[in-house]
Amino acid sequence: MVPRVFGKRAPAPILAVGKNEEGRGCLGLWLCQRSPRCGHRMYNPLEQCCDDDTILPLNRTRLCGPNCTFWPCFELCCPESFGPQKRFVVRLKVLGMKSRCPTSPISRVCPSQSKCPLSPLGQGSSLI
């Protein structure tokens, strides 16, 4: 049963990890802190992140362009140019802000597609 306060659901407690005066780790509950939410669902920020109302594990990667991976919990995949030579840039998400491609700092430029695609028979093979 979830306790109710003035007809609304009380915020769920968060387990906090910290250090005491001796420098040893200790656990405690933050009873007055609101739990992080992604849309209408709660998530654990020590193991997950909220990416466009989707809860993802922190170690999840995605492709940015044809041959470049990025971490959607920490980075954005941003197209920099279009046309035959598409170029993608990975940008850092800024903590506590709504990160967007034009305003976020560049982390790295993704390598472009190779100019000579491999033949169907394999590299260096020919039909003749």
Protein backbone atom coordinates (compact mmCIF):
# COMPACT_ATOMS: atom_id res chain seq x y z
CA MET A 1 0.00 0.00 0.00
CA VAL A 2 1.34 3.43 -0.97
CA PRO A 3 0.87 6.20 1.60
CA ARG A 4 -1.17 9.15 0.38
CA VAL A 5 -0.65 12.78 1.30
CA PHE A 6 -3.57 15.15 0.70
CA GLY A 7 -5.09 12.79 -1.87
CA LYS A 8 -1.89 12.42 -3.90
CA ARG A 9 0.70 9.71 -3.87
CA ALA A 10 3.70 10.42 -1.64
CA PRO A 11 7.08 10.53 -3.39
CA ALA A 12 8.95 7.24 -3.31
CA PRO A 13 12.08 7.25 -1.14
CA ILE A 14 15.49 7.14 -2.80
CA LEU A 15 18.31 5.00 -1.45
CA ALA A 16 21.33 7.24 -1.02
CA VAL A 17 24.97 6.18 -0.82
CA GLY A 18 27.38 8.49 0.95
CA LYS A 19 30.35 8.58 3.33
CA ASN A 20 30.35 9.17 7.05
CA GLU A 21 32.97 11.13 9.04
CA GLU A 22 35.38 8.17 9.02
CA GLY A 23 35.24 7.96 5.22
CA ARG A 24 33.33 4.66 5.21
CA GLY A 25 30.41 4.07 2.87
CA CYS A 26 26.94 4.23 4.36
CA LEU A 27 23.41 3.81 3.09
CA GLY A 28 20.43 5.89 4.02
CA LEU A 29 16.98 6.91 2.78
CA TRP A 30 16.19 10.36 1.50
CA LEU A 31 12.56 10.39 2.53
CA CYS A 32 11.83 13.91 1.35
CA GLN A 33 13.40 13.69 -2.13
CA ARG A 34 11.28 12.94 -5.19
CA SER A 35 12.35 9.88 -7.13
CA PRO A 36 13.53 10.51 -10.72
CA ARG A 37 10.80 9.99 -13.30
CA CYS A 38 10.80 9.25 -17.00
CA GLY A 39 7.37 10.08 -18.29
CA HIS A 40 5.11 8.42 -15.74
CA ARG A 41 7.64 5.78 -14.60
CA MET A 42 10.33 5.91 -11.92
CA TYR A 43 13.90 4.85 -12.68
CA ASN A 44 17.19 4.32 -10.84
CA PRO A 45 19.72 6.98 -11.99
CA LEU A 46 22.62 4.82 -10.76
CA GLU A 47 21.74 2.19 -13.39
CA GLN A 48 19.48 3.91 -15.93
CA CYS A 49 18.75 7.17 -17.72
CA CYS A 50 15.72 8.78 -19.30
CA ASP A 51 16.17 9.39 -23.03
CA ASP A 52 13.11 10.95 -24.73
CA ASP A 53 10.70 9.34 -22.22
CA THR A 54 12.42 5.95 -22.62
CA ILE A 55 14.30 4.31 -19.75
CA LEU A 56 17.66 2.96 -20.95
CA PRO A 57 20.50 1.15 -19.14
CA LEU A 58 23.60 3.35 -18.76
CA ASN A 59 25.73 0.92 -20.80
CA ARG A 60 23.44 0.95 -23.90
CA THR A 61 25.01 2.10 -27.16
CA ARG A 62 23.44 2.99 -30.52
CA LEU A 63 24.73 3.57 -34.02
CA CYS A 64 25.33 7.13 -35.18
CA GLY A 65 25.64 6.97 -38.93
CA PRO A 66 26.97 3.84 -40.62
CA ASN A 67 29.97 3.00 -38.40
CA CYS A 68 30.02 5.04 -35.19
CA THR A 69 28.53 4.24 -31.79
CA PHE A 70 27.39 6.64 -29.09
CA TRP A 71 26.01 6.36 -25.55
CA PRO A 72 22.45 7.78 -25.59
CA CYS A 73 22.50 8.33 -21.80
CA PHE A 74 25.46 10.72 -22.14
CA GLU A 75 25.71 11.73 -25.81
CA LEU A 76 23.65 12.90 -28.80
CA CYS A 77 24.06 11.77 -32.40
CA CYS A 78 23.83 14.86 -34.60
CA PRO A 79 23.82 14.98 -38.42
CA GLU A 80 26.21 17.72 -39.55
CA SER A 81 25.84 17.47 -43.31
CA PHE A 82 23.55 15.71 -45.75
CA GLY A 83 23.97 14.46 -49.30
CA PRO A 84 26.28 11.74 -50.64
CA GLN A 85 28.91 12.32 -47.92
CA LYS A 86 26.77 12.40 -44.78
CA ARG A 87 28.70 13.47 -41.71
CA PHE A 88 27.67 12.76 -38.11
CA VAL A 89 28.98 14.34 -34.92
CA VAL A 90 28.62 12.96 -31.40
CA ARG A 91 27.85 15.73 -28.91
CA LEU A 92 27.85 15.60 -25.11
CA LYS A 93 24.61 15.93 -23.17
CA VAL A 94 24.84 18.71 -20.60
CA LEU A 95 23.67 17.54 -17.18
CA GLY A 96 20.57 19.34 -15.96
CA MET A 97 19.75 20.93 -19.32
CA LYS A 98 17.63 19.92 -22.29
CA SER A 99 20.50 18.99 -24.63
CA ARG A 100 20.15 19.80 -28.32
CA CYS A 101 22.49 19.31 -31.26
CA PRO A 102 23.17 22.99 -32.09
CA THR A 103 24.06 24.02 -28.53
CA SER A 104 25.83 20.96 -27.06
CA PRO A 105 29.65 20.64 -27.06
CA ILE A 106 31.21 18.31 -29.65
CA SER A 107 32.66 15.08 -28.28
CA ARG A 108 33.92 13.59 -31.55
CA VAL A 109 33.31 13.45 -35.31
CA CYS A 110 32.17 10.09 -36.63
CA PRO A 111 34.25 8.65 -39.46
CA SER A 112 32.51 8.89 -42.83
CA GLN A 113 31.65 5.86 -44.94
CA SER A 114 34.51 4.25 -46.79
CA LYS A 115 34.88 5.60 -50.31
CA CYS A 116 35.39 2.13 -51.84
CA PRO A 117 32.73 -0.34 -50.72
CA LEU A 118 33.77 -3.99 -50.63
CA SER A 119 32.82 -6.10 -53.60
CA PRO A 120 30.27 -8.89 -53.06
CA LEU A 121 33.09 -11.44 -53.44
CA GLY A 122 35.19 -9.88 -50.70
CA GLN A 123 38.00 -7.38 -50.56
CA GLY A 124 40.48 -7.66 -53.40
CA SER A 125 38.37 -10.17 -55.37
CA SER A 126 37.38 -9.67 -58.96
CA LEU A 127 35.05 -11.32 -61.43
CA ILE A 128 37.74 -11.59 -64.14
